[in-house]
PDB file of all heavy atoms in Angstrom:
ATOM      1  N   LEU A   1     -18.603  -2.934 -27.593  1.00  0.00           N
ATOM      2  CA  LEU A   1     -20.011  -2.725 -27.941  1.00  0.00           C
ATOM      3  C   LEU A   1     -20.863  -3.639 -27.065  1.00  0.00           C
ATOM      4  O   LEU A   1     -20.613  -4.838 -26.971  1.00  0.00           O
ATOM      5  CB  LEU A   1     -20.231  -3.049 -29.416  1.00  0.00           C
ATOM      6  CG  LEU A   1     -21.670  -3.000 -29.928  1.00  0.00           C
ATOM      7  CD1 LEU A   1     -22.222  -1.585 -29.832  1.00  0.00           C
ATOM      8  CD2 LEU A   1     -21.730  -3.511 -31.366  1.00  0.00           C
ATOM      9  N   VAL A   2     -21.882  -3.065 -26.438  1.00  0.00           N
ATOM     10  CA  VAL A   2     -22.754  -3.835 -25.554  1.00  0.00           C
ATOM     11  C   VAL A   2     -24.181  -3.342 -25.725  1.00  0.00           C
ATOM     12  O   VAL A   2     -24.411  -2.178 -26.067  1.00  0.00           O
ATOM     13  CB  VAL A   2     -22.287  -3.703 -24.088  1.00  0.00           C
ATOM     14  CG1 VAL A   2     -22.382  -2.264 -23.607  1.00  0.00           C
ATOM     15  CG2 VAL A   2     -23.015  -4.669 -23.180  1.00  0.00           C
ATOM     16  N   GLN A   3     -25.127  -4.219 -25.479  1.00  0.00           N
ATOM     17  CA  GLN A   3     -26.533  -3.828 -25.598  1.00  0.00           C
ATOM     18  C   GLN A   3     -27.000  -3.142 -24.320  1.00  0.00           C
ATOM     19  O   GLN A   3     -26.416  -3.301 -23.244  1.00  0.00           O
ATOM     20  CB  GLN A   3     -27.386  -5.056 -25.880  1.00  0.00           C
ATOM     21  CG  GLN A   3     -27.153  -5.652 -27.260  1.00  0.00           C
ATOM     22  CD  GLN A   3     -28.144  -6.756 -27.595  1.00  0.00           C
ATOM     23  OE1 GLN A   3     -28.666  -7.427 -26.703  1.00  0.00           O
ATOM     24  NE2 GLN A   3     -28.405  -6.942 -28.878  1.00  0.00           N
ATOM     25  N   VAL A   4     -28.080  -2.416 -24.460  1.00  0.00           N
ATOM     26  CA  VAL A   4     -28.687  -1.748 -23.310  1.00  0.00           C
ATOM     27  C   VAL A   4     -28.943  -2.782 -22.208  1.00  0.00           C
ATOM     28  O   VAL A   4     -29.443  -3.876 -22.472  1.00  0.00           O
ATOM     29  CB  VAL A   4     -29.994  -1.060 -23.712  1.00  0.00           C
ATOM     30  CG1 VAL A   4     -30.763  -0.594 -22.485  1.00  0.00           C
ATOM     31  CG2 VAL A   4     -29.715   0.123 -24.614  1.00  0.00           C
ATOM     32  N   GLY A   5     -28.579  -2.404 -20.999  1.00  0.00           N
ATOM     33  CA  GLY A   5     -28.749  -3.293 -19.866  1.00  0.00           C
ATOM     34  C   GLY A   5     -27.581  -4.210 -19.609  1.00  0.00           C
ATOM     35  O   GLY A   5     -27.543  -4.912 -18.587  1.00  0.00           O
ATOM     36  N   GLY A   6     -26.628  -4.209 -20.517  1.00  0.00           N
ATOM     37  CA  GLY A   6     -25.464  -5.088 -20.377  1.00  0.00           C
ATOM     38  C   GLY A   6     -24.417  -4.530 -19.436  1.00  0.00           C
ATOM     39  O   GLY A   6     -24.603  -3.467 -18.814  1.00  0.00           O
ATOM     40  N   SER A   7     -23.306  -5.252 -19.366  1.00  0.00           N
ATOM     41  CA  SER A   7     -22.231  -4.892 -18.450  1.00  0.00           C
ATOM     42  C   SER A   7     -20.883  -4.945 -19.158  1.00  0.00           C
ATOM     43  O   SER A   7     -20.706  -5.690 -20.126  1.00  0.00           O
ATOM     44  CB  SER A   7     -22.198  -5.860 -17.258  1.00  0.00           C
ATOM     45  OG  SER A   7     -23.406  -5.830 -16.541  1.00  0.00           O
ATOM     46  N   LEU A   8     -19.968  -4.148 -18.645  1.00  0.00           N
ATOM     47  CA  LEU A   8     -18.579  -4.170 -19.096  1.00  0.00           C
ATOM     48  C   LEU A   8     -17.702  -3.854 -17.902  1.00  0.00           C
ATOM     49  O   LEU A   8     -18.122  -3.132 -16.985  1.00  0.00           O
ATOM     50  CB  LEU A   8     -18.318  -3.120 -20.180  1.00  0.00           C
ATOM     51  CG  LEU A   8     -18.722  -3.405 -21.617  1.00  0.00           C
ATOM     52  CD1 LEU A   8     -18.463  -2.166 -22.472  1.00  0.00           C
ATOM     53  CD2 LEU A   8     -17.982  -4.590 -22.179  1.00  0.00           C
ATOM     54  N   ARG A   9     -16.466  -4.359 -17.945  1.00  0.00           N
ATOM     55  CA  ARG A   9     -15.483  -3.974 -16.935  1.00  0.00           C
ATOM     56  C   ARG A   9     -14.274  -3.386 -17.633  1.00  0.00           C
ATOM     57  O   ARG A   9     -13.628  -4.052 -18.451  1.00  0.00           O
ATOM     58  CB  ARG A   9     -15.066  -5.142 -16.061  1.00  0.00           C
ATOM     59  CG  ARG A   9     -14.191  -4.677 -14.892  1.00  0.00           C
ATOM     60  CD  ARG A   9     -13.836  -5.771 -13.919  1.00  0.00           C
ATOM     61  NE  ARG A   9     -12.682  -6.547 -14.352  1.00  0.00           N
ATOM     62  CZ  ARG A   9     -11.867  -7.188 -13.514  1.00  0.00           C
ATOM     63  NH1 ARG A   9     -12.102  -7.144 -12.208  1.00  0.00           N
ATOM     64  NH2 ARG A   9     -10.863  -7.892 -13.983  1.00  0.00           N
ATOM     65  N   LEU A  10     -13.993  -2.142 -17.293  1.00  0.00           N
ATOM     66  CA  LEU A  10     -12.808  -1.476 -17.809  1.00  0.00           C
ATOM     67  C   LEU A  10     -11.648  -1.653 -16.844  1.00  0.00           C
ATOM     68  O   LEU A  10     -11.845  -1.700 -15.626  1.00  0.00           O
ATOM     69  CB  LEU A  10     -13.078   0.019 -18.002  1.00  0.00           C
ATOM     70  CG  LEU A  10     -14.290   0.391 -18.851  1.00  0.00           C
ATOM     71  CD1 LEU A  10     -14.359   1.917 -18.997  1.00  0.00           C
ATOM     72  CD2 LEU A  10     -14.256  -0.284 -20.192  1.00  0.00           C
ATOM     73  N   SER A  11     -10.457  -1.738 -17.402  1.00  0.00           N
ATOM     74  CA  SER A  11      -9.237  -1.820 -16.606  1.00  0.00           C
ATOM     75  C   SER A  11      -8.290  -0.711 -17.035  1.00  0.00           C
ATOM     76  O   SER A  11      -8.332  -0.251 -18.174  1.00  0.00           O
ATOM     77  CB  SER A  11      -8.552  -3.172 -16.792  1.00  0.00           C
ATOM     78  OG  SER A  11      -9.385  -4.233 -16.386  1.00  0.00           O
ATOM     79  N   CYS A  12      -7.448  -0.325 -16.110  1.00  0.00           N
ATOM     80  CA  CYS A  12      -6.440   0.694 -16.388  1.00  0.00           C
ATOM     81  C   CYS A  12      -5.153   0.254 -15.705  1.00  0.00           C
ATOM     82  O   CYS A  12      -5.067   0.256 -14.469  1.00  0.00           O
ATOM     83  CB  CYS A  12      -6.892   2.049 -15.878  1.00  0.00           C
ATOM     84  SG  CYS A  12      -5.628   3.343 -15.934  1.00  0.00           S
ATOM     85  N   ALA A  13      -4.161  -0.113 -16.499  1.00  0.00           N
ATOM     86  CA  ALA A  13      -2.877  -0.553 -15.968  1.00  0.00           C
ATOM     87  C   ALA A  13      -1.947   0.647 -15.848  1.00  0.00           C
ATOM     88  O   ALA A  13      -1.768   1.394 -16.814  1.00  0.00           O
ATOM     89  CB  ALA A  13      -2.265  -1.603 -16.877  1.00  0.00           C
ATOM     90  N   ALA A  14      -1.377   0.824 -14.678  1.00  0.00           N
ATOM     91  CA  ALA A  14      -0.528   1.978 -14.415  1.00  0.00           C
ATOM     92  C   ALA A  14       0.922   1.574 -14.208  1.00  0.00           C
ATOM     93  O   ALA A  14       1.212   0.502 -13.659  1.00  0.00           O
ATOM     94  CB  ALA A  14      -1.037   2.717 -13.175  1.00  0.00           C
ATOM     95  N   SER A  15       1.812   2.471 -14.615  1.00  0.00           N
ATOM     96  CA  SER A  15       3.236   2.258 -14.390  1.00  0.00           C
ATOM     97  C   SER A  15       3.933   3.600 -14.321  1.00  0.00           C
ATOM     98  O   SER A  15       3.387   4.611 -14.772  1.00  0.00           O
ATOM     99  CB  SER A  15       3.843   1.401 -15.515  1.00  0.00           C
ATOM    100  OG  SER A  15       3.726   2.059 -16.760  1.00  0.00           O
ATOM    101  N   GLY A  16       5.107   3.627 -13.730  1.00  0.00           N
ATOM    102  CA  GLY A  16       5.915   4.831 -13.747  1.00  0.00           C
ATOM    103  C   GLY A  16       6.034   5.569 -12.435  1.00  0.00           C
ATOM    104  O   GLY A  16       6.908   6.417 -12.286  1.00  0.00           O
ATOM    105  N   ARG A  17       5.122   5.339 -11.491  1.00  0.00           N
ATOM    106  CA  ARG A  17       5.281   5.891 -10.159  1.00  0.00           C
ATOM    107  C   ARG A  17       4.478   5.003  -9.218  1.00  0.00           C
ATOM    108  O   ARG A  17       3.705   4.151  -9.656  1.00  0.00           O
ATOM    109  CB  ARG A  17       4.829   7.357 -10.064  1.00  0.00           C
ATOM    110  CG  ARG A  17       3.345   7.602 -10.159  1.00  0.00           C
ATOM    111  CD  ARG A  17       3.020   9.098 -10.040  1.00  0.00           C
ATOM    112  NE  ARG A  17       1.594   9.323 -10.156  1.00  0.00           N
ATOM    113  CZ  ARG A  17       1.018  10.513 -10.226  1.00  0.00           C
ATOM    114  NH1 ARG A  17       1.768  11.606 -10.200  1.00  0.00           N
ATOM    115  NH2 ARG A  17      -0.284  10.643 -10.323  1.00  0.00           N
ATOM    116  N   THR A  18       4.636   5.226  -7.930  1.00  0.00           N
ATOM    117  CA  THR A  18       3.969   4.356  -6.962  1.00  0.00           C
ATOM    118  C   THR A  18       2.471   4.559  -7.032  1.00  0.00           C
ATOM    119  O   THR A  18       1.930   5.543  -6.518  1.00  0.00           O
ATOM    120  CB  THR A  18       4.495   4.618  -5.549  1.00  0.00           C
ATOM    121  OG1 THR A  18       5.913   4.476  -5.536  1.00  0.00           O
ATOM    122  CG2 THR A  18       3.880   3.616  -4.569  1.00  0.00           C
ATOM    123  N   PHE A  19       1.814   3.627  -7.659  1.00  0.00           N
ATOM    124  CA  PHE A  19       0.379   3.704  -7.941  1.00  0.00           C
ATOM    125  C   PHE A  19      -0.431   3.937  -6.671  1.00  0.00           C
ATOM    126  O   PHE A  19      -1.386   4.738  -6.666  1.00  0.00           O
ATOM    127  CB  PHE A  19      -0.029   2.396  -8.626  1.00  0.00           C
ATOM    128  CG  PHE A  19      -1.497   2.252  -8.915  1.00  0.00           C
ATOM    129  CD1 PHE A  19      -2.079   2.964  -9.943  1.00  0.00           C
ATOM    130  CD2 PHE A  19      -2.282   1.372  -8.178  1.00  0.00           C
ATOM    131  CE1 PHE A  19      -3.433   2.821 -10.233  1.00  0.00           C
ATOM    132  CE2 PHE A  19      -3.631   1.216  -8.456  1.00  0.00           C
ATOM    133  CZ  PHE A  19      -4.210   1.941  -9.492  1.00  0.00           C
ATOM    134  N   SER A  20      -0.058   3.267  -5.596  1.00  0.00           N
ATOM    135  CA  SER A  20      -0.866   3.286  -4.376  1.00  0.00           C
ATOM    136  C   SER A  20      -0.842   4.618  -3.645  1.00  0.00           C
ATOM    137  O   SER A  20      -1.598   4.795  -2.686  1.00  0.00           O
ATOM    138  CB  SER A  20      -0.400   2.174  -3.440  1.00  0.00           C
ATOM    139  OG  SER A  20       0.967   2.347  -3.113  1.00  0.00           O
ATOM    140  N   ASN A  21      -0.018   5.547  -4.054  1.00  0.00           N
ATOM    141  CA  ASN A  21       0.070   6.835  -3.373  1.00  0.00           C
ATOM    142  C   ASN A  21      -0.831   7.927  -3.958  1.00  0.00           C
ATOM    143  O   ASN A  21      -0.815   9.063  -3.473  1.00  0.00           O
ATOM    144  CB  ASN A  21       1.504   7.347  -3.379  1.00  0.00           C
ATOM    145  CG  ASN A  21       2.394   6.593  -2.407  1.00  0.00           C
ATOM    146  OD1 ASN A  21       1.937   6.128  -1.366  1.00  0.00           O
ATOM    147  ND2 ASN A  21       3.671   6.478  -2.735  1.00  0.00           N
ATOM    148  N   TYR A  22      -1.579   7.587  -5.001  1.00  0.00           N
ATOM    149  CA  TYR A  22      -2.370   8.598  -5.701  1.00  0.00           C
ATOM    150  C   TYR A  22      -3.802   8.133  -5.923  1.00  0.00           C
ATOM    151  O   TYR A  22      -4.030   6.982  -6.315  1.00  0.00           O
ATOM    152  CB  TYR A  22      -1.726   8.929  -7.047  1.00  0.00           C
ATOM    153  CG  TYR A  22      -0.354   9.543  -6.901  1.00  0.00           C
ATOM    154  CD1 TYR A  22       0.778   8.752  -6.778  1.00  0.00           C
ATOM    155  CD2 TYR A  22      -0.209  10.930  -6.846  1.00  0.00           C
ATOM    156  CE1 TYR A  22       2.025   9.304  -6.602  1.00  0.00           C
ATOM    157  CE2 TYR A  22       1.053  11.491  -6.678  1.00  0.00           C
ATOM    158  CZ  TYR A  22       2.153  10.680  -6.559  1.00  0.00           C
ATOM    159  OH  TYR A  22       3.382  11.246  -6.387  1.00  0.00           O
ATOM    160  N   ALA A  23      -4.733   9.052  -5.671  1.00  0.00           N
ATOM    161  CA  ALA A  23      -6.117   8.777  -6.037  1.00  0.00           C
ATOM    162  C   ALA A  23      -6.212   8.624  -7.554  1.00  0.00           C
ATOM    163  O   ALA A  23      -5.386   9.145  -8.304  1.00  0.00           O
ATOM    164  CB  ALA A  23      -7.016   9.910  -5.564  1.00  0.00           C
ATOM    165  N   MET A  24      -7.237   7.901  -7.973  1.00  0.00           N
ATOM    166  CA  MET A  24      -7.451   7.662  -9.393  1.00  0.00           C
ATOM    167  C   MET A  24      -8.893   7.974  -9.761  1.00  0.00           C
ATOM    168  O   MET A  24      -9.797   7.872  -8.924  1.00  0.00           O
ATOM    169  CB  MET A  24      -7.154   6.199  -9.734  1.00  0.00           C
ATOM    170  CG  MET A  24      -5.722   5.759  -9.507  1.00  0.00           C
ATOM    171  SD  MET A  24      -4.566   6.514 -10.665  1.00  0.00           S
ATOM    172  CE  MET A  24      -5.104   5.800 -12.229  1.00  0.00           C
ATOM    173  N   GLY A  25      -9.090   8.305 -11.011  1.00  0.00           N
ATOM    174  CA  GLY A  25     -10.441   8.619 -11.457  1.00  0.00           C
ATOM    175  C   GLY A  25     -10.720   8.076 -12.847  1.00  0.00           C
ATOM    176  O   GLY A  25      -9.804   7.747 -13.607  1.00  0.00           O
ATOM    177  N   TRP A  26     -11.998   7.961 -13.129  1.00  0.00           N
ATOM    178  CA  TRP A  26     -12.483   7.657 -14.481  1.00  0.00           C
ATOM    179  C   TRP A  26     -13.268   8.865 -14.986  1.00  0.00           C
ATOM    180  O   TRP A  26     -14.076   9.432 -14.247  1.00  0.00           O
ATOM    181  CB  TRP A  26     -13.388   6.437 -14.488  1.00  0.00           C
ATOM    182  CG  TRP A  26     -12.685   5.127 -14.335  1.00  0.00           C
ATOM    183  CD1 TRP A  26     -12.549   4.391 -13.190  1.00  0.00           C
ATOM    184  CD2 TRP A  26     -12.019   4.384 -15.369  1.00  0.00           C
ATOM    185  NE1 TRP A  26     -11.835   3.249 -13.449  1.00  0.00           N
ATOM    186  CE2 TRP A  26     -11.509   3.209 -14.774  1.00  0.00           C
ATOM    187  CE3 TRP A  26     -11.808   4.580 -16.736  1.00  0.00           C
ATOM    188  CZ2 TRP A  26     -10.796   2.248 -15.489  1.00  0.00           C
ATOM    189  CZ3 TRP A  26     -11.113   3.635 -17.447  1.00  0.00           C
ATOM    190  CH2 TRP A  26     -10.606   2.472 -16.835  1.00  0.00           C
ATOM    191  N   PHE A  27     -13.024   9.209 -16.226  1.00  0.00           N
ATOM    192  CA  PHE A  27     -13.758  10.253 -16.923  1.00  0.00           C
ATOM    193  C   PHE A  27     -14.297   9.657 -18.214  1.00  0.00           C
ATOM    194  O   PHE A  27     -13.865   8.597 -18.650  1.00  0.00           O
ATOM    195  CB  PHE A  27     -12.838  11.426 -17.247  1.00  0.00           C
ATOM    196  CG  PHE A  27     -12.405  12.233 -16.045  1.00  0.00           C
ATOM    197  CD1 PHE A  27     -11.460  11.743 -15.154  1.00  0.00           C
ATOM    198  CD2 PHE A  27     -12.948  13.490 -15.810  1.00  0.00           C
ATOM    199  CE1 PHE A  27     -11.062  12.483 -14.048  1.00  0.00           C
ATOM    200  CE2 PHE A  27     -12.549  14.246 -14.715  1.00  0.00           C
ATOM    201  CZ  PHE A  27     -11.612  13.739 -13.839  1.00  0.00           C
ATOM    202  N   ARG A  28     -15.213  10.376 -18.845  1.00  0.00           N
ATOM    203  CA  ARG A  28     -15.689   9.954 -20.153  1.00  0.00           C
ATOM    204  C   ARG A  28     -16.005  11.176 -20.999  1.00  0.00           C
ATOM    205  O   ARG A  28     -16.284  12.261 -20.485  1.00  0.00           O
ATOM    206  CB  ARG A  28     -16.916   9.055 -20.035  1.00  0.00           C
ATOM    207  CG  ARG A  28     -18.163   9.742 -19.488  1.00  0.00           C
ATOM    208  CD  ARG A  28     -19.280   8.723 -19.264  1.00  0.00           C
ATOM    209  NE  ARG A  28     -20.501   9.336 -18.764  1.00  0.00           N
ATOM    210  CZ  ARG A  28     -21.581   8.662 -18.378  1.00  0.00           C
ATOM    211  NH1 ARG A  28     -21.582   7.305 -18.431  1.00  0.00           N
ATOM    212  NH2 ARG A  28     -22.649   9.281 -17.935  1.00  0.00           N
ATOM    213  N   GLN A  29     -15.953  10.958 -22.306  1.00  0.00           N
ATOM    214  CA  GLN A  29     -16.245  12.042 -23.234  1.00  0.00           C
ATOM    215  C   GLN A  29     -17.029  11.501 -24.409  1.00  0.00           C
ATOM    216  O   GLN A  29     -16.551  10.629 -25.142  1.00  0.00           O
ATOM    217  CB  GLN A  29     -14.963  12.716 -23.716  1.00  0.00           C
ATOM    218  CG  GLN A  29     -15.185  13.962 -24.529  1.00  0.00           C
ATOM    219  CD  GLN A  29     -13.917  14.773 -24.698  1.00  0.00           C
ATOM    220  OE1 GLN A  29     -12.802  14.288 -24.520  1.00  0.00           O
ATOM    221  NE2 GLN A  29     -14.075  16.038 -25.031  1.00  0.00           N
ATOM    222  N   ALA A  30     -18.241  12.008 -24.560  1.00  0.00           N
ATOM    223  CA  ALA A  30     -19.099  11.654 -25.681  1.00  0.00           C
ATOM    224  C   ALA A  30     -18.855  12.638 -26.822  1.00  0.00           C
ATOM    225  O   ALA A  30     -18.398  13.767 -26.586  1.00  0.00           O
ATOM    226  CB  ALA A  30     -20.554  11.687 -25.248  1.00  0.00           C
ATOM    227  N   PRO A  31     -19.167  12.245 -28.050  1.00  0.00           N
ATOM    228  CA  PRO A  31     -18.947  13.133 -29.194  1.00  0.00           C
ATOM    229  C   PRO A  31     -19.662  14.475 -29.012  1.00  0.00           C
ATOM    230  O   PRO A  31     -20.853  14.513 -28.659  1.00  0.00           O
ATOM    231  CB  PRO A  31     -19.536  12.350 -30.361  1.00  0.00           C
ATOM    232  CG  PRO A  31     -19.433  10.925 -29.951  1.00  0.00           C
ATOM    233  CD  PRO A  31     -19.654  10.916 -28.473  1.00  0.00           C
ATOM    234  N   GLY A  32     -18.925  15.547 -29.209  1.00  0.00           N
ATOM    235  CA  GLY A  32     -19.510  16.871 -29.111  1.00  0.00           C
ATOM    236  C   GLY A  32     -19.730  17.384 -27.702  1.00  0.00           C
ATOM    237  O   GLY A  32     -20.298  18.467 -27.516  1.00  0.00           O
ATOM    238  N   LYS A  33     -19.279  16.624 -26.722  1.00  0.00           N
ATOM    239  CA  LYS A  33     -19.477  17.032 -25.332  1.00  0.00           C
ATOM    240  C   LYS A  33     -18.137  17.156 -24.612  1.00  0.00           C
ATOM    241  O   LYS A  33     -17.125  16.635 -25.063  1.00  0.00           O
ATOM    242  CB  LYS A  33     -20.354  16.011 -24.602  1.00  0.00           C
ATOM    243  CG  LYS A  33     -21.775  15.927 -25.129  1.00  0.00           C
ATOM    244  CD  LYS A  33     -22.639  15.047 -24.243  1.00  0.00           C
ATOM    245  CE  LYS A  33     -24.078  15.038 -24.714  1.00  0.00           C
ATOM    246  NZ  LYS A  33     -24.938  14.199 -23.832  1.00  0.00           N
ATOM    247  N   GLU A  34     -18.177  17.872 -23.496  1.00  0.00           N
ATOM    248  CA  GLU A  34     -16.963  18.010 -22.692  1.00  0.00           C
ATOM    249  C   GLU A  34     -16.680  16.721 -21.923  1.00  0.00           C
ATOM    250  O   GLU A  34     -17.585  15.924 -21.658  1.00  0.00           O
ATOM    251  CB  GLU A  34     -17.121  19.175 -21.714  1.00  0.00           C
ATOM    252  CG  GLU A  34     -17.170  20.536 -22.376  1.00  0.00           C
ATOM    253  CD  GLU A  34     -17.133  21.670 -21.364  1.00  0.00           C
ATOM    254  OE1 GLU A  34     -17.176  21.396 -20.159  1.00  0.00           O
ATOM    255  OE2 GLU A  34     -17.050  22.834 -21.808  1.00  0.00           O
ATOM    256  N   ARG A  35     -15.424  16.563 -21.564  1.00  0.00           N
ATOM    257  CA  ARG A  35     -15.054  15.415 -20.748  1.00  0.00           C
ATOM    258  C   ARG A  35     -15.685  15.573 -19.364  1.00  0.00           C
ATOM    259  O   ARG A  35     -15.609  16.643 -18.758  1.00  0.00           O
ATOM    260  CB  ARG A  35     -13.533  15.310 -20.639  1.00  0.00           C
ATOM    261  CG  ARG A  35     -13.043  14.023 -20.025  1.00  0.00           C
ATOM    262  CD  ARG A  35     -11.534  13.872 -20.204  1.00  0.00           C
ATOM    263  NE  ARG A  35     -11.181  13.796 -21.621  1.00  0.00           N
ATOM    264  CZ  ARG A  35      -9.969  13.497 -22.048  1.00  0.00           C
ATOM    265  NH1 ARG A  35      -8.994  13.224 -21.190  1.00  0.00           N
ATOM    266  NH2 ARG A  35      -9.711  13.466 -23.347  1.00  0.00           N
ATOM    267  N   GLU A  36     -16.311  14.514 -18.879  1.00  0.00           N
ATOM    268  CA  GLU A  36     -16.971  14.579 -17.592  1.00  0.00           C
ATOM    269  C   GLU A  36     -16.435  13.505 -16.654  1.00  0.00           C
ATOM    270  O   GLU A  36     -16.081  12.394 -17.076  1.00  0.00           O
ATOM    271  CB  GLU A  36     -18.494  14.435 -17.739  1.00  0.00           C
ATOM    272  CG  GLU A  36     -18.965  13.086 -18.244  1.00  0.00           C
ATOM    273  CD  GLU A  36     -20.478  12.913 -18.147  1.00  0.00           C
ATOM    274  OE1 GLU A  36     -21.159  13.760 -17.550  1.00  0.00           O
ATOM    275  OE2 GLU A  36     -20.964  11.893 -18.681  1.00  0.00           O
ATOM    276  N   TRP A  37     -16.427  13.870 -15.390  1.00  0.00           N
ATOM    277  CA  TRP A  37     -15.978  12.947 -14.354  1.00  0.00           C
ATOM    278  C   TRP A  37     -17.038  11.881 -14.125  1.00  0.00           C
ATOM    279  O   TRP A  37     -18.238  12.174 -14.106  1.00  0.00           O
ATOM    280  CB  TRP A  37     -15.714  13.731 -13.070  1.00  0.00           C
ATOM    281  CG  TRP A  37     -15.445  12.887 -11.879  1.00  0.00           C
ATOM    282  CD1 TRP A  37     -14.315  12.170 -11.607  1.00  0.00           C
ATOM    283  CD2 TRP A  37     -16.323  12.668 -10.776  1.00  0.00           C
ATOM    284  NE1 TRP A  37     -14.443  11.535 -10.399  1.00  0.00           N
ATOM    285  CE2 TRP A  37     -15.664  11.818  -9.863  1.00  0.00           C
ATOM    286  CE3 TRP A  37     -17.610  13.117 -10.460  1.00  0.00           C
ATOM    287  CZ2 TRP A  37     -16.233  11.405  -8.674  1.00  0.00           C
ATOM    288  CZ3 TRP A  37     -18.187  12.710  -9.273  1.00  0.00           C
ATOM    289  CH2 TRP A  37     -17.500  11.856  -8.397  1.00  0.00           C
ATOM    290  N   VAL A  38     -16.594  10.644 -13.920  1.00  0.00           N
ATOM    291  CA  VAL A  38     -17.496   9.527 -13.700  1.00  0.00           C
ATOM    292  C   VAL A  38     -17.382   8.991 -12.271  1.00  0.00           C
ATOM    293  O   VAL A  38     -18.385   8.813 -11.575  1.00  0.00           O
ATOM    294  CB  VAL A  38     -17.196   8.386 -14.701  1.00  0.00           C
ATOM    295  CG1 VAL A  38     -18.016   7.144 -14.370  1.00  0.00           C
ATOM    296  CG2 VAL A  38     -17.459   8.852 -16.122  1.00  0.00           C
ATOM    297  N   ALA A  39     -16.144   8.733 -11.847  1.00  0.00           N
ATOM    298  CA  ALA A  39     -15.936   8.130 -10.533  1.00  0.00           C
ATOM    299  C   ALA A  39     -14.497   8.346 -10.099  1.00  0.00           C
ATOM    300  O   ALA A  39     -13.620   8.607 -10.930  1.00  0.00           O
ATOM    301  CB  ALA A  39     -16.255   6.641 -10.570  1.00  0.00           C
ATOM    302  N   ALA A  40     -14.274   8.216  -8.798  1.00  0.00           N
ATOM    303  CA  ALA A  40     -12.923   8.348  -8.259  1.00  0.00           C
ATOM    304  C   ALA A  40     -12.771   7.441  -7.049  1.00  0.00           C
ATOM    305  O   ALA A  40     -13.753   7.113  -6.369  1.00  0.00           O
ATOM    306  CB  ALA A  40     -12.623   9.798  -7.883  1.00  0.00           C
ATOM    307  N   VAL A  41     -11.536   7.061  -6.808  1.00  0.00           N
ATOM    308  CA  VAL A  41     -11.228   6.219  -5.646  1.00  0.00           C
ATOM    309  C   VAL A  41     -10.005   6.804  -4.961  1.00  0.00           C
ATOM    310  O   VAL A  41      -9.064   7.261  -5.619  1.00  0.00           O
ATOM    311  CB  VAL A  41     -11.009   4.750  -6.074  1.00  0.00           C
ATOM    312  CG1 VAL A  41      -9.871   4.622  -7.060  1.00  0.00           C
ATOM    313  CG2 VAL A  41     -10.772   3.856  -4.870  1.00  0.00           C
ATOM    314  N   SER A  42     -10.026   6.808  -3.649  1.00  0.00           N
ATOM    315  CA  SER A  42      -8.910   7.359  -2.884  1.00  0.00           C
ATOM    316  C   SER A  42      -7.656   6.500  -3.059  1.00  0.00           C
ATOM    317  O   SER A  42      -7.718   5.356  -3.519  1.00  0.00           O
ATOM    318  CB  SER A  42      -9.286   7.443  -1.407  1.00  0.00           C
ATOM    319  OG  SER A  42      -9.592   6.145  -0.905  1.00  0.00           O
TER     320      SER A  42
END
């Protein structure tokens, strides 16, 4: 929980295959809405 104008850093720990060989993305889903793409990194 953060106030308007604040900051957060999300982390995602990966395991099970060579992480560096695959692009990664962040998505988000608000209540009642479809999952939407936020960002991606090669």
